[in-house]
Protein backbone atom coordinates (compact mmCIF):
# COMPACT_ATOMS: atom_id res chain seq x y z
CA MET A 1 -40.76 -13.87 -9.49
CA SER A 2 -41.02 -15.23 -5.91
CA GLU A 3 -38.04 -15.22 -3.54
CA LEU A 4 -37.77 -19.01 -3.73
CA SER A 5 -37.78 -18.90 -7.52
CA LYS A 6 -34.91 -16.40 -7.40
CA ILE A 7 -32.65 -18.40 -5.08
CA TYR A 8 -33.22 -21.76 -6.79
CA ALA A 9 -33.45 -20.54 -10.40
CA PRO A 10 -30.66 -21.90 -12.64
CA ASP A 11 -29.02 -18.48 -13.10
CA ALA A 12 -28.48 -18.32 -9.32
CA TRP A 13 -26.36 -21.47 -9.11
CA PHE A 14 -25.56 -23.07 -12.49
CA LYS A 15 -22.33 -22.22 -14.29
CA GLN A 16 -21.35 -23.85 -17.59
CA GLY A 17 -18.23 -25.93 -17.01
CA GLY A 18 -18.62 -25.68 -13.24
CA GLY A 19 -19.07 -29.41 -12.74
CA PRO A 20 -22.09 -31.72 -12.46
CA ARG A 21 -25.39 -29.95 -11.79
CA TYR A 22 -26.04 -31.81 -8.55
CA GLN A 23 -22.66 -30.71 -7.16
CA GLN A 24 -23.22 -27.08 -8.16
CA LEU A 25 -26.70 -27.13 -6.62
CA GLN A 26 -25.37 -28.77 -3.46
CA ARG A 27 -22.71 -26.06 -3.11
CA HIS A 28 -25.35 -23.37 -3.69
CA ILE A 29 -27.66 -24.73 -1.00
CA SER A 30 -24.67 -24.95 1.37
CA GLU A 31 -24.06 -21.24 0.76
CA LEU A 32 -27.75 -20.48 1.41
CA ILE A 33 -27.49 -22.28 4.75
CA GLN A 34 -24.32 -20.37 5.59
CA SER A 35 -25.87 -17.01 4.69
CA GLY A 36 -28.95 -17.69 6.80
CA GLU A 37 -31.36 -17.66 3.86
CA ILE A 38 -32.09 -21.24 4.88
CA SER A 39 -31.81 -21.44 8.67
CA ALA A 40 -31.13 -24.28 11.09
CA ASP A 41 -34.07 -26.68 11.50
CA GLU A 42 -35.79 -25.22 8.41
CA ARG A 43 -37.40 -27.64 5.96
CA LEU A 44 -36.02 -27.73 2.42
CA LEU A 45 -38.44 -27.43 -0.47
CA PRO A 46 -40.10 -30.71 -1.49
CA GLU A 47 -38.17 -32.61 -4.15
CA ARG A 48 -40.72 -32.04 -6.93
CA GLU A 49 -41.06 -28.32 -6.25
CA MET A 50 -37.30 -27.74 -6.06
CA ALA A 51 -36.78 -29.66 -9.31
CA GLU A 52 -39.34 -27.52 -11.12
CA ILE A 53 -37.83 -24.23 -9.93
CA ALA A 54 -34.20 -25.32 -10.50
CA GLY A 55 -34.99 -26.73 -13.94
CA VAL A 56 -33.44 -30.13 -13.24
CA SER A 57 -34.64 -33.68 -12.78
CA ARG A 58 -35.73 -35.09 -9.45
CA VAL A 59 -32.77 -37.46 -9.66
CA THR A 60 -30.45 -34.41 -9.64
CA ILE A 61 -32.28 -33.04 -6.58
CA ARG A 62 -31.97 -36.39 -4.79
CA LYS A 63 -28.21 -36.52 -5.45
CA ALA A 64 -27.72 -32.92 -4.26
CA VAL A 65 -29.70 -33.54 -1.08
CA ALA A 66 -27.87 -36.84 -0.50
CA GLN A 67 -24.56 -34.94 -0.61
CA LEU A 68 -25.91 -32.39 1.89
CA VAL A 69 -26.91 -35.27 4.15
CA ALA A 70 -23.48 -36.87 3.74
CA ASP A 71 -21.86 -33.52 4.61
CA GLY A 72 -23.86 -33.40 7.84
CA LEU A 73 -25.73 -30.23 6.82
CA VAL A 74 -29.16 -31.78 6.27
CA GLU A 75 -31.11 -34.59 7.90
CA GLN A 76 -33.99 -36.51 6.40
CA ARG A 77 -36.90 -37.07 8.79
CA GLN A 78 -39.18 -40.00 8.11
CA GLY A 79 -42.40 -38.77 6.53
CA ALA A 80 -41.52 -35.10 7.13
CA GLY A 81 -38.91 -34.21 4.52
CA SER A 82 -35.37 -32.82 4.60
CA TYR A 83 -34.34 -30.31 7.26
CA VAL A 84 -31.24 -28.22 7.88
CA ARG A 85 -29.41 -29.94 10.70
CA LYS A 86 -28.62 -28.08 13.88
CA GLU A 87 -24.86 -27.67 14.43
CA SER A 88 -23.25 -30.72 15.96
CA LYS A 89 -20.18 -30.88 18.18
CA LYS A 90 -17.98 -32.47 15.52
CA LEU A 91 -17.56 -31.21 11.98
CA LYS A 92 -18.63 -33.72 9.38
CA GLN A 93 -17.10 -33.75 5.93
CA SER A 94 -18.16 -36.08 3.17
CA LEU A 95 -15.63 -38.33 1.47
CA SER A 96 -17.91 -38.59 -1.55
CA THR A 97 -18.00 -34.96 -2.69
CA LEU A 98 -15.35 -32.44 -3.69
CA ILE A 99 -15.62 -29.50 -1.32
CA SER A 100 -12.82 -27.25 -0.14
CA PHE A 101 -12.00 -26.55 3.50
CA THR A 102 -13.13 -22.95 3.01
CA GLU A 103 -16.51 -24.03 1.57
CA ASN A 104 -16.96 -26.59 4.34
CA MET A 105 -16.36 -24.00 7.08
CA SER A 106 -18.47 -21.38 5.30
CA ALA A 107 -21.41 -23.79 5.01
CA ARG A 108 -21.30 -24.17 8.80
CA GLY A 109 -21.20 -20.43 9.45
CA LYS A 110 -17.56 -20.47 10.54
CA THR A 111 -14.83 -18.05 9.49
CA SER A 112 -11.89 -19.93 7.99
CA SER A 113 -8.34 -18.73 7.62
CA SER A 114 -5.14 -20.05 6.12
CA GLU A 115 -1.57 -19.44 7.19
CA ILE A 116 0.72 -20.00 4.22
CA LEU A 117 3.70 -21.96 5.54
CA ALA A 118 5.36 -22.38 2.13
CA ALA A 119 4.52 -21.65 -1.52
CA GLY A 120 6.53 -21.73 -4.71
CA LEU A 121 7.65 -23.62 -7.82
CA PHE A 122 10.01 -26.56 -7.39
CA THR A 123 11.53 -29.55 -9.17
CA PRO A 124 9.06 -32.41 -8.63
CA ASN A 125 10.01 -35.29 -6.37
CA PRO A 126 9.50 -38.91 -7.51
CA ASP A 127 6.04 -39.20 -5.89
CA GLU A 128 4.85 -36.00 -7.60
CA MET A 129 6.23 -37.15 -10.96
CA VAL A 130 4.35 -40.45 -10.73
CA THR A 131 1.09 -39.02 -9.36
CA LEU A 132 0.90 -35.96 -11.61
CA GLY A 133 2.59 -37.39 -14.70
CA LEU A 134 5.51 -34.94 -14.61
CA SER A 135 9.08 -35.27 -15.83
CA GLY A 136 12.25 -34.15 -14.07
CA THR A 137 12.40 -31.05 -16.29
CA ASP A 138 8.90 -29.89 -15.28
CA LYS A 139 8.07 -27.63 -12.36
CA VAL A 140 5.53 -28.35 -9.65
CA ALA A 141 3.63 -25.75 -7.63
CA ARG A 142 3.53 -26.46 -3.91
CA VAL A 143 1.38 -24.80 -1.27
CA ARG A 144 1.56 -25.80 2.41
CA ARG A 145 -1.08 -24.28 4.68
CA LEU A 146 -2.31 -24.35 8.26
CA ARG A 147 -6.12 -24.25 8.07
CA SER A 148 -8.05 -22.80 11.00
CA ALA A 149 -11.64 -22.02 11.96
CA GLY A 150 -11.75 -18.96 14.18
CA GLU A 151 -8.82 -19.36 16.56
CA THR A 152 -8.74 -23.17 16.33
CA PRO A 153 -6.17 -24.89 14.08
CA MET A 154 -8.00 -27.63 12.18
CA ALA A 155 -5.70 -29.10 9.55
CA LEU A 156 -2.33 -29.03 7.84
CA GLU A 157 -2.53 -29.35 4.07
CA SER A 158 0.26 -29.72 1.52
CA SER A 159 -0.83 -29.47 -2.13
CA SER A 160 1.18 -30.13 -5.31
CA LEU A 161 -0.01 -29.15 -8.80
CA PRO A 162 1.60 -28.90 -12.27
CA GLN A 163 2.95 -25.44 -13.08
CA ASP A 164 0.54 -24.92 -15.99
CA ILE A 165 -2.41 -25.55 -13.64
CA LEU A 166 -1.14 -23.24 -10.88
CA PRO A 167 1.59 -20.98 -12.33
CA PHE A 168 1.52 -18.56 -9.38
CA PRO A 169 1.12 -20.58 -6.16
CA GLU A 170 1.76 -17.50 -4.04
CA ARG A 171 -1.65 -16.20 -5.15
CA VAL A 172 -3.40 -18.87 -3.09
CA LYS A 173 -4.36 -16.99 0.06
CA VAL A 174 -7.35 -18.95 1.43
CA SER A 175 -9.06 -21.32 -1.01
CA LEU A 176 -7.03 -23.29 -3.57
CA TYR A 177 -10.20 -24.53 -5.30
CA LYS A 178 -11.48 -20.96 -5.67
CA VAL A 179 -8.27 -20.03 -7.53
CA LEU A 180 -8.55 -23.15 -9.71
CA ARG A 181 -12.23 -22.50 -10.51
CA GLU A 182 -11.39 -18.95 -11.58
CA ARG A 183 -8.90 -20.47 -14.03
CA GLY A 184 -11.38 -23.14 -15.17
CA GLN A 185 -8.99 -25.81 -13.90
CA ALA A 186 -10.72 -27.21 -10.81
CA PRO A 187 -10.83 -31.01 -10.41
CA VAL A 188 -14.18 -32.69 -11.03
CA ARG A 189 -13.37 -36.01 -9.38
CA ALA A 190 -10.83 -37.32 -6.91
CA ILE A 191 -9.52 -40.45 -5.25
CA GLN A 192 -8.87 -40.23 -1.50
CA ARG A 193 -7.11 -42.46 0.98
CA VAL A 194 -7.73 -42.06 4.74
CA THR A 195 -5.40 -43.41 7.41
CA ALA A 196 -4.93 -42.87 11.14
CA VAL A 197 -1.51 -41.63 12.21
CA ASN A 198 0.16 -40.12 15.27
CA VAL A 199 1.26 -36.53 14.92
CA SER A 200 4.66 -35.39 16.15
CA GLY A 201 7.22 -32.60 16.04
CA GLU A 202 6.36 -29.35 14.27
CA ASP A 203 3.05 -30.75 12.97
CA ALA A 204 1.83 -31.39 16.53
CA GLU A 205 2.94 -27.92 17.58
CA LEU A 206 1.12 -26.23 14.67
CA LEU A 207 -2.09 -28.16 15.40
CA ARG A 208 -1.71 -27.46 19.15
CA LEU A 209 -1.86 -31.16 19.98
CA PRO A 210 0.19 -33.23 22.42
CA GLU A 211 3.01 -35.22 20.83
CA GLY A 212 1.73 -38.59 19.61
CA SER A 213 -1.94 -37.52 19.33
CA ALA A 214 -4.04 -39.45 16.82
CA VAL A 215 -5.00 -37.53 13.68
CA LEU A 216 -6.45 -38.42 10.30
CA ARG A 217 -4.25 -38.30 7.22
CA ILE A 218 -6.06 -37.85 3.91
CA GLU A 219 -4.24 -38.12 0.60
CA ARG A 220 -6.25 -36.92 -2.39
CA THR A 221 -5.53 -36.99 -6.12
CA GLY A 222 -7.83 -34.70 -8.11
CA TYR A 223 -8.62 -35.09 -11.83
CA LEU A 224 -9.96 -32.88 -14.60
CA ALA A 225 -12.83 -34.12 -16.76
CA SER A 226 -10.15 -35.21 -19.27
CA ARG A 227 -8.90 -37.62 -16.56
CA ARG A 228 -5.65 -35.73 -16.22
CA PRO A 229 -4.39 -35.74 -12.60
CA ILE A 230 -3.76 -32.13 -11.59
CA GLU A 231 -3.77 -32.06 -7.78
CA PHE A 232 -2.12 -34.11 -5.06
CA THR A 233 -2.95 -33.02 -1.52
CA SER A 234 -1.84 -34.62 1.71
CA GLY A 235 -3.47 -33.34 4.87
CA LEU A 236 -3.47 -33.97 8.60
CA TYR A 237 -6.86 -33.36 10.25
CA ARG A 238 -7.62 -33.24 13.95
CA SER A 239 -9.64 -36.34 14.79
CA ASP A 240 -11.01 -34.72 17.95
CA ILE A 241 -12.85 -32.21 15.73
CA TYR A 242 -13.44 -33.94 12.39
CA ASP A 243 -15.64 -36.83 11.35
CA PHE A 244 -15.18 -37.95 7.74
CA ILE A 245 -18.22 -39.81 6.48
CA SER A 246 -19.27 -41.55 3.29
CA GLU A 247 -22.57 -42.74 1.89
CA LEU A 248 -22.83 -46.34 0.69
CA GLY A 249 -25.43 -47.90 -1.59
CA ALA A 250 -26.22 -51.37 -2.85
CA ASP A 251 -24.25 -52.34 -5.95
């Protein structure tokens, strides 16, 4: 078996119950870029050839590549194909695909870290009860983290999940989604809201920004395939570092 057949073969990237095939393939290619197996400015395999090796349709390949383009990892050159994009000054993250902070940094060859600011089980507040469908007698797992790349603080994230989805929140050290995937409880779709806000107080200090600096607030509700809401995350992201992008198509 050739090297390309090995890295794109289904047993290298497909996991039953791991989500749509195009998303799993997209994550796999991101990891290949991060590991250097596919280097900057290298051309991806042609659509037909990749589809044959991966054992999927060309539509699946197109969707996976479109997500890589939306994530800022790949660029499509007219008449030449799809190429791994050289690193840009700002970090681009797609609003149309579920990818964790850790995966996003890893795909760009950066070392991510998380400082756990708080973690535990609590009585849900009214917003958590409404968003996650909990009652006052339930418990909610909360994890608040400062996310960094190298020595640079990038984001503050506060996540709330039902206790049965995350019974031991203190076990989240770096990637929440990695813990959820290991439990077979990772969200497969989400709704996000993006707003611009001014950061202040402790949040500004943690992000090493002047008081009143503009940042991006993203609120995300994640759902299982059963449509049950199981994650509510509110994050503050440095707008001087991040670009959040989305891909639009004709209705």
